[in-house]
């Protein structure tokens, strides 16, 4: 496993691959998320070798990328994005970046459970097939807090086992984006993680939860830096991932309001990077 930077998740602004690599170096991260569209353009312009050399020179790996498909809404837009996905997946894979991910709401106001499940399978199955052509895996993130689930008329997938069951129907290259926040708030256990196979975990997010709040009252996006409060048992979480052989990116997604108090991106990167060193 290696620490991976998602600049936007900690309020750091980057405008280019160079910015991303520099930010990762400042924070001591082993990897960084990429923009597949930017990589595709650079491959056309400069070739794969030059990009690979940039990563090698920086000592930073390409960690993963957000799924570049608008699958939630309009069918025409979804199909349009599907047409471009092979180009983007091929570009990402050419530099060794083969993990992509997206998140799924834990409910709907219009679709009951089975209808919603069928919708997701229909939207993701073609995506998974295209990704598989380039040896890319898709991680699906469940949203765990009861407070999020309660927003919807019809509840939907909000635990790891239910997400894995759906993933198995979508494709062999589909698994979890396992976020310790959502694992904790869904009442997940260490034993659940230990029973997974490494290939079922595509991507990992880490953070902590505010102290003094019952688990079912935790609010999404109100979090803390990894291991900051000790509410989420991060040591057990990480040990379980190691025990199953997970060797991919571990990305902080703390949504910690205190990060806004720092005057520079360099300070934010240093603070979050230090927190990651402690848990890695």
C-alpha atoms as a PDB file:
ATOM      1  CA  UNK A   1       0.000   0.000   0.000  1.00  0.00           C
ATOM      2  CA  UNK A   2       1.065   3.579  -0.524  1.00  0.00           C
ATOM      3  CA  UNK A   3      -0.337   6.970   0.419  1.00  0.00           C
ATOM      4  CA  UNK A   4      -2.016   8.760  -2.479  1.00  0.00           C
ATOM      5  CA  UNK A   5      -3.000  12.397  -2.875  1.00  0.00           C
ATOM      6  CA  UNK A   6      -6.344  13.620  -4.110  1.00  0.00           C
ATOM      7  CA  UNK A   7      -5.606  17.369  -4.114  1.00  0.00           C
ATOM      8  CA  UNK A   8      -9.219  18.529  -4.143  1.00  0.00           C
ATOM      9  CA  UNK A   9     -10.125  16.326  -1.177  1.00  0.00           C
ATOM     10  CA  UNK A  10      -7.897  18.446   1.067  1.00  0.00           C
ATOM     11  CA  UNK A  11      -8.538  21.803  -0.568  1.00  0.00           C
ATOM     12  CA  UNK A  12      -5.365  21.954  -2.648  1.00  0.00           C
ATOM     13  CA  UNK A  13      -5.650  23.525  -6.090  1.00  0.00           C
ATOM     14  CA  UNK A  14      -3.732  22.074  -9.023  1.00  0.00           C
ATOM     15  CA  UNK A  15      -3.912  23.079 -12.681  1.00  0.00           C
ATOM     16  CA  UNK A  16      -1.691  20.481 -14.299  1.00  0.00           C
ATOM     17  CA  UNK A  17       0.086  17.171 -13.887  1.00  0.00           C
ATOM     18  CA  UNK A  18       3.211  19.070 -12.890  1.00  0.00           C
ATOM     19  CA  UNK A  19       1.261  20.778 -10.099  1.00  0.00           C
ATOM     20  CA  UNK A  20      -0.094  17.439  -8.908  1.00  0.00           C
ATOM     21  CA  UNK A  21       3.302  15.782  -8.809  1.00  0.00           C
ATOM     22  CA  UNK A  22       4.814  18.747  -6.991  1.00  0.00           C
ATOM     23  CA  UNK A  23       1.990  18.723  -4.431  1.00  0.00           C
ATOM     24  CA  UNK A  24       2.463  15.004  -3.810  1.00  0.00           C
ATOM     25  CA  UNK A  25       6.188  15.540  -3.255  1.00  0.00           C
ATOM     26  CA  UNK A  26       5.578  18.359  -0.765  1.00  0.00           C
ATOM     27  CA  UNK A  27       3.275  16.142   1.299  1.00  0.00           C
ATOM     28  CA  UNK A  28       5.435  13.036   0.983  1.00  0.00           C
ATOM     29  CA  UNK A  29       2.741  11.062  -0.833  1.00  0.00           C
ATOM     30  CA  UNK A  30       3.676   7.956  -2.787  1.00  0.00           C
ATOM     31  CA  UNK A  31       0.988   8.478  -5.407  1.00  0.00           C
ATOM     32  CA  UNK A  32      -1.394  11.028  -6.863  1.00  0.00           C
ATOM     33  CA  UNK A  33      -4.725  10.902  -8.657  1.00  0.00           C
ATOM     34  CA  UNK A  34      -4.709  11.840 -12.321  1.00  0.00           C
ATOM     35  CA  UNK A  35      -6.985  13.446 -14.887  1.00  0.00           C
ATOM     36  CA  UNK A  36      -7.374  10.873 -17.681  1.00  0.00           C
ATOM     37  CA  UNK A  37      -8.372  13.623 -20.100  1.00  0.00           C
ATOM     38  CA  UNK A  38      -5.135  15.488 -19.408  1.00  0.00           C
ATOM     39  CA  UNK A  39      -3.113  12.284 -19.742  1.00  0.00           C
ATOM     40  CA  UNK A  40      -4.818  11.481 -23.063  1.00  0.00           C
ATOM     41  CA  UNK A  41      -3.920  14.916 -24.434  1.00  0.00           C
ATOM     42  CA  UNK A  42      -0.331  14.629 -23.236  1.00  0.00           C
ATOM     43  CA  UNK A  43       0.015  11.161 -24.750  1.00  0.00           C
ATOM     44  CA  UNK A  44      -1.057  12.564 -28.118  1.00  0.00           C
ATOM     45  CA  UNK A  45       1.304  15.510 -27.813  1.00  0.00           C
ATOM     46  CA  UNK A  46       4.358  14.107 -26.037  1.00  0.00           C
ATOM     47  CA  UNK A  47       4.022  10.319 -26.058  1.00  0.00           C
ATOM     48  CA  UNK A  48       3.726   7.843 -23.192  1.00  0.00           C
ATOM     49  CA  UNK A  49       7.428   7.659 -22.378  1.00  0.00           C
ATOM     50  CA  UNK A  50       7.725  11.322 -21.446  1.00  0.00           C
ATOM     51  CA  UNK A  51       4.826  11.048 -18.994  1.00  0.00           C
ATOM     52  CA  UNK A  52       6.149   7.870 -17.424  1.00  0.00           C
ATOM     53  CA  UNK A  53       9.516   9.550 -17.011  1.00  0.00           C
ATOM     54  CA  UNK A  54       7.858  12.492 -15.228  1.00  0.00           C
ATOM     55  CA  UNK A  55       6.376  10.133 -12.667  1.00  0.00           C
ATOM     56  CA  UNK A  56       9.607   8.188 -12.263  1.00  0.00           C
ATOM     57  CA  UNK A  57      11.634  11.360 -11.781  1.00  0.00           C
ATOM     58  CA  UNK A  58       9.210  12.613  -9.132  1.00  0.00           C
ATOM     59  CA  UNK A  59       9.116   9.311  -7.255  1.00  0.00           C
ATOM     60  CA  UNK A  60       5.312   9.482  -7.326  1.00  0.00           C
ATOM     61  CA  UNK A  61       2.986   6.823  -8.775  1.00  0.00           C
ATOM     62  CA  UNK A  62      -0.213   7.418 -10.759  1.00  0.00           C
ATOM     63  CA  UNK A  63      -2.756   6.263  -8.194  1.00  0.00           C
ATOM     64  CA  UNK A  64      -6.219   6.331  -9.765  1.00  0.00           C
ATOM     65  CA  UNK A  65      -8.857   8.504 -11.392  1.00  0.00           C
ATOM     66  CA  UNK A  66     -12.493   9.382 -10.937  1.00  0.00           C
ATOM     67  CA  UNK A  67     -14.714   7.522 -13.405  1.00  0.00           C
ATOM     68  CA  UNK A  68     -15.020   9.888 -16.395  1.00  0.00           C
ATOM     69  CA  UNK A  69     -18.591   8.842 -17.188  1.00  0.00           C
ATOM     70  CA  UNK A  70     -21.743  10.732 -16.211  1.00  0.00           C
ATOM     71  CA  UNK A  71     -23.764   7.604 -15.461  1.00  0.00           C
ATOM     72  CA  UNK A  72     -26.330   9.085 -13.065  1.00  0.00           C
ATOM     73  CA  UNK A  73     -28.597  11.095 -15.311  1.00  0.00           C
ATOM     74  CA  UNK A  74     -29.315  11.647 -18.976  1.00  0.00           C
ATOM     75  CA  UNK A  75     -28.927   8.523 -21.117  1.00  0.00           C
ATOM     76  CA  UNK A  76     -27.611  10.475 -24.098  1.00  0.00           C
ATOM     77  CA  UNK A  77     -24.799  11.964 -21.998  1.00  0.00           C
ATOM     78  CA  UNK A  78     -24.006   8.535 -20.549  1.00  0.00           C
ATOM     79  CA  UNK A  79     -23.705   7.077 -24.054  1.00  0.00           C
ATOM     80  CA  UNK A  80     -21.588  10.001 -25.198  1.00  0.00           C
ATOM     81  CA  UNK A  81     -19.181   9.459 -22.290  1.00  0.00           C
ATOM     82  CA  UNK A  82     -19.091   5.716 -23.013  1.00  0.00           C
ATOM     83  CA  UNK A  83     -17.849   6.495 -26.513  1.00  0.00           C
ATOM     84  CA  UNK A  84     -14.870   8.416 -25.145  1.00  0.00           C
ATOM     85  CA  UNK A  85     -14.109   6.034 -22.286  1.00  0.00           C
ATOM     86  CA  UNK A  86     -11.861   3.693 -24.338  1.00  0.00           C
ATOM     87  CA  UNK A  87      -9.550   6.597 -25.209  1.00  0.00           C
ATOM     88  CA  UNK A  88      -9.322   7.739 -21.595  1.00  0.00           C
ATOM     89  CA  UNK A  89      -8.930   4.256 -20.124  1.00  0.00           C
ATOM     90  CA  UNK A  90      -6.228   3.391 -22.661  1.00  0.00           C
ATOM     91  CA  UNK A  91      -4.310   6.586 -21.883  1.00  0.00           C
ATOM     92  CA  UNK A  92      -4.484   6.001 -18.130  1.00  0.00           C
ATOM     93  CA  UNK A  93      -3.505   2.353 -18.464  1.00  0.00           C
ATOM     94  CA  UNK A  94      -0.563   3.269 -20.694  1.00  0.00           C
ATOM     95  CA  UNK A  95       1.094   5.022 -17.733  1.00  0.00           C
ATOM     96  CA  UNK A  96       0.191   2.262 -15.285  1.00  0.00           C
ATOM     97  CA  UNK A  97      -2.968   3.815 -13.824  1.00  0.00           C
ATOM     98  CA  UNK A  98      -5.624   1.111 -13.866  1.00  0.00           C
ATOM     99  CA  UNK A  99      -7.929   1.991 -10.952  1.00  0.00           C
ATOM    100  CA  UNK A 100     -11.008   4.160 -11.357  1.00  0.00           C
ATOM    101  CA  UNK A 101     -13.879   4.795  -8.973  1.00  0.00           C
ATOM    102  CA  UNK A 102     -17.205   6.460  -8.284  1.00  0.00           C
ATOM    103  CA  UNK A 103     -19.713   6.716  -5.431  1.00  0.00           C
ATOM    104  CA  UNK A 104     -23.335   5.622  -5.204  1.00  0.00           C
ATOM    105  CA  UNK A 105     -26.117   7.312  -3.268  1.00  0.00           C
ATOM    106  CA  UNK A 106     -27.662   5.174  -0.490  1.00  0.00           C
ATOM    107  CA  UNK A 107     -31.209   5.792  -1.627  1.00  0.00           C
ATOM    108  CA  UNK A 108     -33.645   7.299  -4.087  1.00  0.00           C
ATOM    109  CA  UNK A 109     -36.868   9.271  -3.924  1.00  0.00           C
ATOM    110  CA  UNK A 110     -38.190   7.754  -7.149  1.00  0.00           C
ATOM    111  CA  UNK A 111     -36.772   4.221  -7.533  1.00  0.00           C
ATOM    112  CA  UNK A 112     -37.463   1.351  -5.188  1.00  0.00           C
ATOM    113  CA  UNK A 113     -34.561  -0.933  -4.284  1.00  0.00           C
ATOM    114  CA  UNK A 114     -34.725  -3.527  -7.063  1.00  0.00           C
ATOM    115  CA  UNK A 115     -35.497  -0.978  -9.771  1.00  0.00           C
ATOM    116  CA  UNK A 116     -32.602   1.164  -8.577  1.00  0.00           C
ATOM    117  CA  UNK A 117     -30.308  -1.842  -8.507  1.00  0.00           C
ATOM    118  CA  UNK A 118     -31.264  -2.749 -12.080  1.00  0.00           C
ATOM    119  CA  UNK A 119     -30.573   0.835 -13.161  1.00  0.00           C
ATOM    120  CA  UNK A 120     -27.068   0.743 -11.702  1.00  0.00           C
ATOM    121  CA  UNK A 121     -26.260  -2.645 -13.210  1.00  0.00           C
ATOM    122  CA  UNK A 122     -27.451  -1.467 -16.620  1.00  0.00           C
ATOM    123  CA  UNK A 123     -25.391   1.731 -16.445  1.00  0.00           C
ATOM    124  CA  UNK A 124     -22.202   0.155 -15.106  1.00  0.00           C
ATOM    125  CA  UNK A 125     -22.017  -3.099 -17.074  1.00  0.00           C
ATOM    126  CA  UNK A 126     -20.948  -1.449 -20.376  1.00  0.00           C
ATOM    127  CA  UNK A 127     -18.505   0.716 -18.412  1.00  0.00           C
ATOM    128  CA  UNK A 128     -16.915  -2.339 -16.816  1.00  0.00           C
ATOM    129  CA  UNK A 129     -16.594  -4.114 -20.165  1.00  0.00           C
ATOM    130  CA  UNK A 130     -14.757  -1.178 -21.704  1.00  0.00           C
ATOM    131  CA  UNK A 131     -12.472  -0.816 -18.688  1.00  0.00           C
ATOM    132  CA  UNK A 132     -11.664  -4.522 -18.759  1.00  0.00           C
ATOM    133  CA  UNK A 133     -10.306  -4.185 -22.291  1.00  0.00           C
ATOM    134  CA  UNK A 134      -7.521  -2.075 -20.781  1.00  0.00           C
ATOM    135  CA  UNK A 135      -7.081  -4.103 -17.568  1.00  0.00           C
ATOM    136  CA  UNK A 136      -8.727  -1.353 -15.539  1.00  0.00           C
ATOM    137  CA  UNK A 137     -10.775  -1.989 -12.387  1.00  0.00           C
ATOM    138  CA  UNK A 138     -13.800  -0.051 -11.159  1.00  0.00           C
ATOM    139  CA  UNK A 139     -14.325   0.670  -7.463  1.00  0.00           C
ATOM    140  CA  UNK A 140     -17.852   1.441  -6.251  1.00  0.00           C
ATOM    141  CA  UNK A 141     -18.168   3.408  -3.020  1.00  0.00           C
ATOM    142  CA  UNK A 142     -21.123   2.838  -0.709  1.00  0.00           C
ATOM    143  CA  UNK A 143     -22.321   5.676   1.534  1.00  0.00           C
ATOM    144  CA  UNK A 144     -22.668   4.490   5.122  1.00  0.00           C
ATOM    145  CA  UNK A 145     -24.127   7.113   7.496  1.00  0.00           C
ATOM    146  CA  UNK A 146     -27.678   6.554   8.695  1.00  0.00           C
ATOM    147  CA  UNK A 147     -28.140  10.312   8.468  1.00  0.00           C
ATOM    148  CA  UNK A 148     -27.504  10.087   4.709  1.00  0.00           C
ATOM    149  CA  UNK A 149     -29.750   7.077   4.255  1.00  0.00           C
ATOM    150  CA  UNK A 150     -32.598   8.842   6.069  1.00  0.00           C
ATOM    151  CA  UNK A 151     -32.719  11.566   3.400  1.00  0.00           C
ATOM    152  CA  UNK A 152     -34.334   9.212   0.891  1.00  0.00           C
ATOM    153  CA  UNK A 153     -37.782   7.735   0.462  1.00  0.00           C
ATOM    154  CA  UNK A 154     -36.405   4.412  -0.748  1.00  0.00           C
ATOM    155  CA  UNK A 155     -33.189   3.085   0.845  1.00  0.00           C
ATOM    156  CA  UNK A 156     -30.484   1.590  -1.359  1.00  0.00           C
ATOM    157  CA  UNK A 157     -27.084  -0.077  -1.005  1.00  0.00           C
ATOM    158  CA  UNK A 158     -25.124   1.266   1.956  1.00  0.00           C
ATOM    159  CA  UNK A 159     -22.917  -1.637   3.115  1.00  0.00           C
ATOM    160  CA  UNK A 160     -19.892  -3.424   1.689  1.00  0.00           C
ATOM    161  CA  UNK A 161     -21.535  -6.826   1.252  1.00  0.00           C
ATOM    162  CA  UNK A 162     -24.509  -5.443  -0.670  1.00  0.00           C
ATOM    163  CA  UNK A 163     -22.216  -3.403  -2.900  1.00  0.00           C
ATOM    164  CA  UNK A 164     -20.027  -6.426  -3.596  1.00  0.00           C
ATOM    165  CA  UNK A 165     -23.084  -8.489  -4.523  1.00  0.00           C
ATOM    166  CA  UNK A 166     -24.059  -5.906  -7.121  1.00  0.00           C
ATOM    167  CA  UNK A 167     -20.458  -5.515  -8.293  1.00  0.00           C
ATOM    168  CA  UNK A 168     -20.264  -9.260  -8.978  1.00  0.00           C
ATOM    169  CA  UNK A 169     -23.211  -8.931 -11.359  1.00  0.00           C
ATOM    170  CA  UNK A 170     -21.612  -6.008 -13.175  1.00  0.00           C
ATOM    171  CA  UNK A 171     -18.218  -7.508 -13.954  1.00  0.00           C
ATOM    172  CA  UNK A 172     -15.172  -9.396 -12.718  1.00  0.00           C
ATOM    173  CA  UNK A 173     -13.174  -6.159 -12.660  1.00  0.00           C
ATOM    174  CA  UNK A 174     -15.610  -4.373 -10.334  1.00  0.00           C
ATOM    175  CA  UNK A 175     -15.161  -4.117  -6.566  1.00  0.00           C
ATOM    176  CA  UNK A 176     -15.146  -1.639  -3.715  1.00  0.00           C
ATOM    177  CA  UNK A 177     -13.877   1.799  -3.090  1.00  0.00           C
ATOM    178  CA  UNK A 178     -13.569   1.117   0.619  1.00  0.00           C
ATOM    179  CA  UNK A 179     -13.740   4.301   2.675  1.00  0.00           C
ATOM    180  CA  UNK A 180     -13.101   3.766   6.376  1.00  0.00           C
ATOM    181  CA  UNK A 181     -15.672   6.496   7.154  1.00  0.00           C
ATOM    182  CA  UNK A 182     -18.449   4.675   5.343  1.00  0.00           C
ATOM    183  CA  UNK A 183     -17.236   1.329   6.668  1.00  0.00           C
ATOM    184  CA  UNK A 184     -17.414   2.684  10.223  1.00  0.00           C
ATOM    185  CA  UNK A 185     -20.774   4.432   9.861  1.00  0.00           C
ATOM    186  CA  UNK A 186     -22.320   1.340   8.240  1.00  0.00           C
ATOM    187  CA  UNK A 187     -21.288  -0.659  11.339  1.00  0.00           C
ATOM    188  CA  UNK A 188     -18.688  -2.588   9.352  1.00  0.00           C
ATOM    189  CA  UNK A 189     -16.290  -4.928  11.131  1.00  0.00           C
ATOM    190  CA  UNK A 190     -12.639  -5.876  10.848  1.00  0.00           C
ATOM    191  CA  UNK A 191     -13.748  -9.434  10.148  1.00  0.00           C
ATOM    192  CA  UNK A 192     -15.660  -8.265   7.059  1.00  0.00           C
ATOM    193  CA  UNK A 193     -12.486  -6.804   5.606  1.00  0.00           C
ATOM    194  CA  UNK A 194     -10.436  -9.889   6.487  1.00  0.00           C
ATOM    195  CA  UNK A 195     -12.873 -12.020   4.497  1.00  0.00           C
ATOM    196  CA  UNK A 196     -12.369  -9.996   1.319  1.00  0.00           C
ATOM    197  CA  UNK A 197     -10.014 -10.891  -1.492  1.00  0.00           C
ATOM    198  CA  UNK A 198      -7.450  -8.273  -2.435  1.00  0.00           C
ATOM    199  CA  UNK A 199      -8.939  -7.835  -5.911  1.00  0.00           C
ATOM    200  CA  UNK A 200     -12.315  -6.934  -4.379  1.00  0.00           C
ATOM    201  CA  UNK A 201     -10.811  -3.714  -3.000  1.00  0.00           C
ATOM    202  CA  UNK A 202     -10.033  -1.378  -5.875  1.00  0.00           C
ATOM    203  CA  UNK A 203      -9.391   1.817  -3.929  1.00  0.00           C
ATOM    204  CA  UNK A 204      -9.221   3.013  -0.318  1.00  0.00           C
ATOM    205  CA  UNK A 205     -10.114   6.289   1.425  1.00  0.00           C
ATOM    206  CA  UNK A 206      -9.089   7.129   4.990  1.00  0.00           C
ATOM    207  CA  UNK A 207     -10.164   9.749   7.524  1.00  0.00           C
ATOM    208  CA  UNK A 208     -11.535   9.902  11.070  1.00  0.00           C
ATOM    209  CA  UNK A 209     -14.809  10.860  12.729  1.00  0.00           C
ATOM    210  CA  UNK A 210     -15.579  13.593  15.245  1.00  0.00           C
ATOM    211  CA  UNK A 211     -15.502  12.434  18.857  1.00  0.00           C
ATOM    212  CA  UNK A 212     -18.531  12.362  21.123  1.00  0.00           C
ATOM    213  CA  UNK A 213     -21.105  11.679  18.399  1.00  0.00           C
ATOM    214  CA  UNK A 214     -22.995   8.342  18.250  1.00  0.00           C
ATOM    215  CA  UNK A 215     -22.228   6.439  15.062  1.00  0.00           C
ATOM    216  CA  UNK A 216     -25.788   6.738  13.730  1.00  0.00           C
ATOM    217  CA  UNK A 217     -25.699  10.510  14.220  1.00  0.00           C
ATOM    218  CA  UNK A 218     -22.462  11.117  12.303  1.00  0.00           C
ATOM    219  CA  UNK A 219     -22.894  13.493   9.364  1.00  0.00           C
ATOM    220  CA  UNK A 220     -21.133  12.870   6.068  1.00  0.00           C
ATOM    221  CA  UNK A 221     -18.592  15.551   5.128  1.00  0.00           C
ATOM    222  CA  UNK A 222     -18.044  16.379   8.814  1.00  0.00           C
ATOM    223  CA  UNK A 223     -14.892  14.391   9.383  1.00  0.00           C
ATOM    224  CA  UNK A 224     -11.352  14.572  10.724  1.00  0.00           C
ATOM    225  CA  UNK A 225      -7.822  13.781   9.602  1.00  0.00           C
ATOM    226  CA  UNK A 226      -6.797  10.116   9.658  1.00  0.00           C
ATOM    227  CA  UNK A 227      -6.129   8.954  13.252  1.00  0.00           C
ATOM    228  CA  UNK A 228      -6.907  12.432  14.615  1.00  0.00           C
ATOM    229  CA  UNK A 229      -9.644  11.443  17.073  1.00  0.00           C
ATOM    230  CA  UNK A 230      -9.313   7.668  17.315  1.00  0.00           C
ATOM    231  CA  UNK A 231     -13.037   7.157  16.777  1.00  0.00           C
ATOM    232  CA  UNK A 232     -12.470   5.063  13.648  1.00  0.00           C
ATOM    233  CA  UNK A 233     -10.189   2.086  14.421  1.00  0.00           C
ATOM    234  CA  UNK A 234      -7.751   2.905  11.663  1.00  0.00           C
ATOM    235  CA  UNK A 235      -5.009   0.555  12.900  1.00  0.00           C
ATOM    236  CA  UNK A 236      -7.329  -2.434  12.625  1.00  0.00           C
ATOM    237  CA  UNK A 237      -8.644  -1.208   9.287  1.00  0.00           C
ATOM    238  CA  UNK A 238      -5.150  -0.901   7.808  1.00  0.00           C
ATOM    239  CA  UNK A 239      -3.940  -4.171   9.330  1.00  0.00           C
ATOM    240  CA  UNK A 240      -6.903  -5.998   7.822  1.00  0.00           C
ATOM    241  CA  UNK A 241      -6.148  -4.535   4.386  1.00  0.00           C
ATOM    242  CA  UNK A 242      -2.531  -5.659   4.675  1.00  0.00           C
ATOM    243  CA  UNK A 243      -3.635  -9.133   5.743  1.00  0.00           C
ATOM    244  CA  UNK A 244      -5.635  -9.653   2.544  1.00  0.00           C
ATOM    245  CA  UNK A 245      -2.774  -8.379   0.360  1.00  0.00           C
ATOM    246  CA  UNK A 246      -4.192  -5.043  -0.737  1.00  0.00           C
ATOM    247  CA  UNK A 247      -1.311  -3.136  -2.336  1.00  0.00           C
ATOM    248  CA  UNK A 248      -3.005  -0.117  -3.883  1.00  0.00           C
ATOM    249  CA  UNK A 249      -3.491   3.563  -3.079  1.00  0.00           C
ATOM    250  CA  UNK A 250      -4.660   4.808   0.318  1.00  0.00           C
ATOM    251  CA  UNK A 251      -6.088   8.294  -0.147  1.00  0.00           C
ATOM    252  CA  UNK A 252      -7.051  10.743   2.612  1.00  0.00           C
ATOM    253  CA  UNK A 253     -10.503  12.258   2.262  1.00  0.00           C
ATOM    254  CA  UNK A 254     -10.925  14.056   5.589  1.00  0.00           C
ATOM    255  CA  UNK A 255     -13.219  16.960   4.630  1.00  0.00           C
ATOM    256  CA  UNK A 256     -11.742  18.614   7.739  1.00  0.00           C
ATOM    257  CA  UNK A 257     -12.842  22.234   8.057  1.00  0.00           C
ATOM    258  CA  UNK A 258      -9.639  23.065   9.954  1.00  0.00           C
ATOM    259  CA  UNK A 259      -7.649  22.641   6.728  1.00  0.00           C
ATOM    260  CA  UNK A 260      -9.200  25.898   5.531  1.00  0.00           C
ATOM    261  CA  UNK A 261      -7.427  27.717   8.355  1.00  0.00           C
ATOM    262  CA  UNK A 262      -4.001  27.152   6.847  1.00  0.00           C
ATOM    263  CA  UNK A 263      -2.667  29.975   4.733  1.00  0.00           C
ATOM    264  CA  UNK A 264      -1.079  27.871   2.011  1.00  0.00           C
ATOM    265  CA  UNK A 265      -1.468  24.622   0.111  1.00  0.00           C
ATOM    266  CA  UNK A 266       2.021  23.642   1.265  1.00  0.00           C
ATOM    267  CA  UNK A 267       0.854  23.744   4.893  1.00  0.00           C
ATOM    268  CA  UNK A 268      -2.219  21.659   4.105  1.00  0.00           C
ATOM    269  CA  UNK A 269      -0.113  19.115   2.247  1.00  0.00           C
ATOM    270  CA  UNK A 270       2.392  18.892   5.091  1.00  0.00           C
ATOM    271  CA  UNK A 271      -0.271  18.430   7.770  1.00  0.00           C
ATOM    272  CA  UNK A 272      -2.198  15.769   5.848  1.00  0.00           C
ATOM    273  CA  UNK A 273       1.008  14.104   4.711  1.00  0.00           C
ATOM    274  CA  UNK A 274       2.145  13.799   8.331  1.00  0.00           C
ATOM    275  CA  UNK A 275      -1.157  12.219   9.313  1.00  0.00           C
ATOM    276  CA  UNK A 276      -0.766   9.691   6.512  1.00  0.00           C
ATOM    277  CA  UNK A 277       2.767   8.784   7.596  1.00  0.00           C
ATOM    278  CA  UNK A 278       1.415   7.866  11.030  1.00  0.00           C
ATOM    279  CA  UNK A 279      -1.154   5.407   9.701  1.00  0.00           C
ATOM    280  CA  UNK A 280       0.968   3.948   6.911  1.00  0.00           C
END
